[in-house]
Amino acid sequence: MRYFFILPILLMPFSAFASDLPDYDSETYCTDYATDPNGSYAKDIFDPCLTSEYFSEAMLEDQWDKLDKDAKVRCDAKARADEADRHQSGSYSLLKQCLEAQK
């Protein structure tokens, strides 16, 4: 009987996520993207990156409720994949590209 109540709690983060647009830190992502491995920062890379991130986030906000839940979970994982490597945040641009490819 106890397991009946635990299962919904374990599944809650996945179902809750599917209804909310992920919260990525676009400035951190673009700062990481514009900084090469030697630590050299390029503002001419940062500015268009940030513009793209904000544009993609706005587009996704408008469409989020209409998108497939499974695709959102898969694409969020892909958009965050760099977190383990070099970037400290997911990317709305990568998320948007992945979701467009799922259509």
N, C-alpha and C. Protein backbone atom coordinates (compact mmCIF):
# COMPACT_ATOMS: atom_id res chain seq x y z
N MET A 1 0.82 -1.19 0.00
CA MET A 1 0.00 0.00 0.00
C MET A 1 0.87 1.26 0.00
N ARG A 2 1.99 1.23 0.73
CA ARG A 2 2.87 2.39 0.78
C ARG A 2 3.39 2.77 -0.60
N TYR A 3 3.68 1.78 -1.42
CA TYR A 3 4.24 2.03 -2.74
C TYR A 3 3.28 2.79 -3.64
N PHE A 4 2.01 2.61 -3.42
CA PHE A 4 0.99 3.30 -4.20
C PHE A 4 1.12 4.81 -4.05
N PHE A 5 1.51 5.28 -2.89
CA PHE A 5 1.63 6.71 -2.63
C PHE A 5 3.01 7.26 -3.01
N ILE A 6 4.01 6.43 -3.02
CA ILE A 6 5.36 6.86 -3.35
C ILE A 6 5.53 7.07 -4.85
N LEU A 7 4.95 6.23 -5.67
CA LEU A 7 5.12 6.32 -7.11
C LEU A 7 4.72 7.68 -7.67
N PRO A 8 3.57 8.25 -7.33
CA PRO A 8 3.24 9.58 -7.86
C PRO A 8 4.24 10.65 -7.46
N ILE A 9 4.80 10.53 -6.28
CA ILE A 9 5.79 11.51 -5.81
C ILE A 9 7.06 11.39 -6.64
N LEU A 10 7.50 10.17 -6.95
CA LEU A 10 8.70 9.97 -7.75
C LEU A 10 8.52 10.47 -9.18
N LEU A 11 7.32 10.36 -9.71
CA LEU A 11 7.06 10.79 -11.09
C LEU A 11 6.75 12.27 -11.20
N MET A 12 6.51 12.93 -10.11
CA MET A 12 6.09 14.32 -10.13
C MET A 12 7.06 15.25 -10.85
N PRO A 13 8.37 15.18 -10.64
CA PRO A 13 9.25 16.12 -11.33
C PRO A 13 9.14 16.04 -12.85
N PHE A 14 8.96 14.84 -13.39
CA PHE A 14 8.86 14.70 -14.85
C PHE A 14 7.57 15.31 -15.37
N SER A 15 6.47 15.06 -14.71
CA SER A 15 5.20 15.63 -15.18
C SER A 15 5.16 17.12 -14.93
N ALA A 16 5.76 17.58 -13.85
CA ALA A 16 5.79 19.03 -13.58
C ALA A 16 6.67 19.73 -14.61
N PHE A 17 7.79 19.10 -14.97
CA PHE A 17 8.69 19.71 -15.94
C PHE A 17 7.99 19.90 -17.28
N ALA A 18 7.26 18.91 -17.70
CA ALA A 18 6.66 18.95 -19.03
C ALA A 18 5.71 20.13 -19.20
N SER A 19 5.21 20.68 -18.12
CA SER A 19 4.28 21.80 -18.23
C SER A 19 4.98 23.16 -18.13
N ASP A 20 6.25 23.18 -17.72
CA ASP A 20 6.97 24.44 -17.55
C ASP A 20 8.19 24.51 -18.46
N LEU A 21 8.39 25.67 -19.07
CA LEU A 21 9.59 25.90 -19.85
C LEU A 21 10.81 25.83 -18.92
N PRO A 22 11.86 25.12 -19.31
CA PRO A 22 13.05 25.04 -18.44
C PRO A 22 13.62 26.42 -18.15
N ASP A 23 14.27 26.53 -17.04
CA ASP A 23 14.87 27.80 -16.62
C ASP A 23 16.38 27.73 -16.84
N TYR A 24 16.82 28.20 -18.01
CA TYR A 24 18.24 28.23 -18.31
C TYR A 24 18.78 29.64 -18.04
N ASP A 25 20.06 29.72 -17.74
CA ASP A 25 20.72 31.00 -17.54
C ASP A 25 21.43 31.38 -18.85
N SER A 26 20.75 32.15 -19.67
CA SER A 26 21.26 32.49 -21.01
C SER A 26 22.55 33.28 -20.95
N GLU A 27 22.68 34.19 -20.00
CA GLU A 27 23.91 34.99 -19.91
C GLU A 27 25.10 34.11 -19.57
N THR A 28 24.91 33.18 -18.67
CA THR A 28 26.00 32.26 -18.32
C THR A 28 26.36 31.38 -19.51
N TYR A 29 25.33 30.86 -20.18
CA TYR A 29 25.58 30.01 -21.35
C TYR A 29 26.38 30.77 -22.41
N CYS A 30 25.95 31.99 -22.72
CA CYS A 30 26.62 32.76 -23.77
C CYS A 30 28.01 33.23 -23.35
N THR A 31 28.19 33.50 -22.09
CA THR A 31 29.53 33.85 -21.60
C THR A 31 30.46 32.66 -21.79
N ASP A 32 29.99 31.48 -21.42
CA ASP A 32 30.79 30.27 -21.62
C ASP A 32 31.06 30.03 -23.10
N TYR A 33 30.03 30.23 -23.93
CA TYR A 33 30.14 30.01 -25.37
C TYR A 33 31.14 30.98 -26.01
N ALA A 34 31.18 32.20 -25.49
CA ALA A 34 32.04 33.25 -26.06
C ALA A 34 33.45 33.24 -25.48
N THR A 35 33.71 32.33 -24.57
CA THR A 35 35.03 32.25 -23.94
C THR A 35 35.72 30.97 -24.41
N ASP A 36 36.87 31.13 -25.02
CA ASP A 36 37.58 29.95 -25.50
C ASP A 36 38.27 29.22 -24.34
N PRO A 37 38.77 28.01 -24.57
CA PRO A 37 39.40 27.23 -23.49
C PRO A 37 40.57 27.94 -22.82
N ASN A 38 41.19 28.90 -23.50
CA ASN A 38 42.31 29.64 -22.91
C ASN A 38 41.84 30.82 -22.06
N GLY A 39 40.52 31.06 -22.03
CA GLY A 39 39.98 32.14 -21.21
C GLY A 39 39.76 33.45 -21.95
N SER A 40 40.00 33.47 -23.25
CA SER A 40 39.81 34.67 -24.04
C SER A 40 38.32 34.84 -24.35
N TYR A 41 37.79 36.03 -24.04
CA TYR A 41 36.36 36.32 -24.20
C TYR A 41 36.13 37.16 -25.45
N ALA A 42 35.09 36.82 -26.23
CA ALA A 42 34.78 37.55 -27.46
C ALA A 42 33.36 38.10 -27.40
N LYS A 43 33.26 39.42 -27.20
CA LYS A 43 31.95 40.07 -27.12
C LYS A 43 31.18 39.94 -28.43
N ASP A 44 31.89 39.89 -29.55
CA ASP A 44 31.20 39.75 -30.85
C ASP A 44 30.58 38.36 -31.02
N ILE A 45 30.89 37.43 -30.16
CA ILE A 45 30.23 36.13 -30.13
C ILE A 45 29.12 36.15 -29.06
N PHE A 46 29.40 36.79 -27.94
CA PHE A 46 28.44 36.84 -26.84
C PHE A 46 27.13 37.53 -27.25
N ASP A 47 27.21 38.71 -27.88
CA ASP A 47 26.00 39.49 -28.19
C ASP A 47 25.02 38.73 -29.09
N PRO A 48 25.46 38.17 -30.22
CA PRO A 48 24.49 37.42 -31.04
C PRO A 48 23.98 36.16 -30.35
N CYS A 49 24.82 35.55 -29.53
CA CYS A 49 24.40 34.37 -28.78
C CYS A 49 23.25 34.73 -27.85
N LEU A 50 23.41 35.82 -27.11
CA LEU A 50 22.38 36.23 -26.16
C LEU A 50 21.09 36.62 -26.89
N THR A 51 21.21 37.30 -28.02
CA THR A 51 20.04 37.66 -28.82
C THR A 51 19.31 36.39 -29.26
N SER A 52 20.05 35.40 -29.72
CA SER A 52 19.47 34.14 -30.16
C SER A 52 18.79 33.41 -29.00
N GLU A 53 19.42 33.41 -27.85
CA GLU A 53 18.84 32.75 -26.67
C GLU A 53 17.51 33.41 -26.27
N TYR A 54 17.49 34.74 -26.22
CA TYR A 54 16.26 35.45 -25.84
C TYR A 54 15.16 35.24 -26.87
N PHE A 55 15.51 35.27 -28.15
CA PHE A 55 14.54 35.04 -29.22
C PHE A 55 13.97 33.62 -29.10
N SER A 56 14.83 32.64 -28.93
CA SER A 56 14.39 31.24 -28.83
C SER A 56 13.52 31.03 -27.60
N GLU A 57 13.88 31.64 -26.49
CA GLU A 57 13.07 31.52 -25.27
C GLU A 57 11.67 32.08 -25.50
N ALA A 58 11.58 33.25 -26.13
CA ALA A 58 10.28 33.86 -26.40
C ALA A 58 9.44 32.98 -27.33
N MET A 59 10.06 32.42 -28.35
CA MET A 59 9.34 31.54 -29.28
C MET A 59 8.83 30.29 -28.55
N LEU A 60 9.67 29.72 -27.70
CA LEU A 60 9.28 28.52 -26.97
C LEU A 60 8.17 28.81 -25.96
N GLU A 61 8.20 29.96 -25.32
CA GLU A 61 7.14 30.32 -24.37
C GLU A 61 5.78 30.30 -25.05
N ASP A 62 5.73 30.79 -26.28
CA ASP A 62 4.47 30.83 -27.03
C ASP A 62 3.98 29.44 -27.43
N GLN A 63 4.89 28.52 -27.66
CA GLN A 63 4.54 27.20 -28.19
C GLN A 63 4.56 26.08 -27.16
N TRP A 64 5.11 26.32 -25.99
CA TRP A 64 5.44 25.26 -25.04
C TRP A 64 4.29 24.32 -24.73
N ASP A 65 3.11 24.84 -24.46
CA ASP A 65 1.97 24.00 -24.08
C ASP A 65 1.50 23.10 -25.22
N LYS A 66 1.84 23.43 -26.44
CA LYS A 66 1.39 22.67 -27.61
C LYS A 66 2.36 21.55 -28.00
N LEU A 67 3.54 21.55 -27.40
CA LEU A 67 4.56 20.59 -27.79
C LEU A 67 4.42 19.25 -27.05
N ASP A 68 4.87 18.19 -27.69
CA ASP A 68 4.81 16.85 -27.12
C ASP A 68 5.66 16.75 -25.85
N LYS A 69 5.08 16.17 -24.79
CA LYS A 69 5.79 16.07 -23.50
C LYS A 69 7.09 15.28 -23.61
N ASP A 70 7.03 14.13 -24.29
CA ASP A 70 8.24 13.30 -24.41
C ASP A 70 9.34 14.03 -25.18
N ALA A 71 8.97 14.74 -26.23
CA ALA A 71 9.95 15.50 -27.00
C ALA A 71 10.57 16.59 -26.13
N LYS A 72 9.77 17.24 -25.29
CA LYS A 72 10.30 18.29 -24.41
C LYS A 72 11.33 17.73 -23.44
N VAL A 73 11.05 16.57 -22.88
CA VAL A 73 11.99 15.95 -21.93
C VAL A 73 13.27 15.54 -22.64
N ARG A 74 13.14 14.90 -23.82
CA ARG A 74 14.33 14.48 -24.58
C ARG A 74 15.18 15.68 -24.99
N CYS A 75 14.51 16.71 -25.49
CA CYS A 75 15.25 17.87 -25.99
C CYS A 75 15.86 18.70 -24.86
N ASP A 76 15.21 18.73 -23.71
CA ASP A 76 15.81 19.41 -22.56
C ASP A 76 17.12 18.72 -22.19
N ALA A 77 17.12 17.40 -22.21
CA ALA A 77 18.35 16.66 -21.88
C ALA A 77 19.46 17.00 -22.88
N LYS A 78 19.10 17.12 -24.17
CA LYS A 78 20.11 17.48 -25.18
C LYS A 78 20.58 18.93 -24.99
N ALA A 79 19.65 19.82 -24.66
CA ALA A 79 20.01 21.23 -24.49
C ALA A 79 20.89 21.44 -23.27
N ARG A 80 20.81 20.54 -22.30
CA ARG A 80 21.64 20.62 -21.09
C ARG A 80 22.90 19.77 -21.19
N ALA A 81 23.09 19.05 -22.26
CA ALA A 81 24.19 18.09 -22.37
C ALA A 81 25.55 18.72 -22.14
N ASP A 82 25.73 19.96 -22.56
CA ASP A 82 27.02 20.63 -22.39
C ASP A 82 27.30 20.99 -20.93
N GLU A 83 26.29 20.95 -20.08
CA GLU A 83 26.52 21.30 -18.67
C GLU A 83 27.59 20.42 -18.04
N ALA A 84 27.61 19.18 -18.43
CA ALA A 84 28.61 18.27 -17.86
C ALA A 84 30.00 18.53 -18.45
N ASP A 85 30.04 19.19 -19.57
CA ASP A 85 31.31 19.42 -20.25
C ASP A 85 31.82 20.82 -19.94
N ARG A 86 31.41 21.81 -20.72
CA ARG A 86 32.01 23.14 -20.61
C ARG A 86 31.02 24.21 -20.17
N HIS A 87 29.79 24.12 -20.65
CA HIS A 87 28.81 25.17 -20.38
C HIS A 87 28.08 24.90 -19.06
N GLN A 88 27.73 25.96 -18.37
CA GLN A 88 27.12 25.85 -17.05
C GLN A 88 25.60 25.96 -17.08
N SER A 89 25.02 26.11 -18.26
CA SER A 89 23.57 26.22 -18.36
C SER A 89 23.11 25.62 -19.67
N GLY A 90 21.84 25.25 -19.72
CA GLY A 90 21.26 24.77 -20.96
C GLY A 90 21.07 25.93 -21.93
N SER A 91 20.65 25.59 -23.15
CA SER A 91 20.50 26.59 -24.20
C SER A 91 19.10 26.52 -24.80
N TYR A 92 18.40 27.67 -24.80
CA TYR A 92 17.09 27.73 -25.44
C TYR A 92 17.21 27.52 -26.95
N SER A 93 18.29 27.99 -27.54
CA SER A 93 18.48 27.80 -28.98
C SER A 93 18.62 26.32 -29.32
N LEU A 94 19.40 25.60 -28.52
CA LEU A 94 19.55 24.16 -28.75
C LEU A 94 18.24 23.43 -28.49
N LEU A 95 17.51 23.85 -27.47
CA LEU A 95 16.21 23.25 -27.17
C LEU A 95 15.24 23.46 -28.32
N LYS A 96 15.19 24.68 -28.84
CA LYS A 96 14.30 25.01 -29.95
C LYS A 96 14.67 24.20 -31.20
N GLN A 97 15.95 24.11 -31.52
CA GLN A 97 16.40 23.34 -32.68
C GLN A 97 16.01 21.87 -32.57
N CYS A 98 16.19 21.32 -31.39
CA CYS A 98 15.84 19.92 -31.17
C CYS A 98 14.34 19.70 -31.32
N LEU A 99 13.54 20.58 -30.75
CA LEU A 99 12.09 20.43 -30.85
C LEU A 99 11.59 20.60 -32.28
N GLU A 100 12.22 21.49 -33.03
CA GLU A 100 11.85 21.65 -34.44
C GLU A 100 12.17 20.40 -35.24
N ALA A 101 13.25 19.74 -34.89
CA ALA A 101 13.63 18.50 -35.58
C ALA A 101 12.69 17.34 -35.24
N GLN A 102 11.98 17.44 -34.13
CA GLN A 102 11.06 16.38 -33.70
C GLN A 102 9.73 16.43 -34.46
N LYS A 103 9.45 17.54 -35.12
CA LYS A 103 8.15 17.70 -35.80
C LYS A 103 8.05 16.84 -37.03
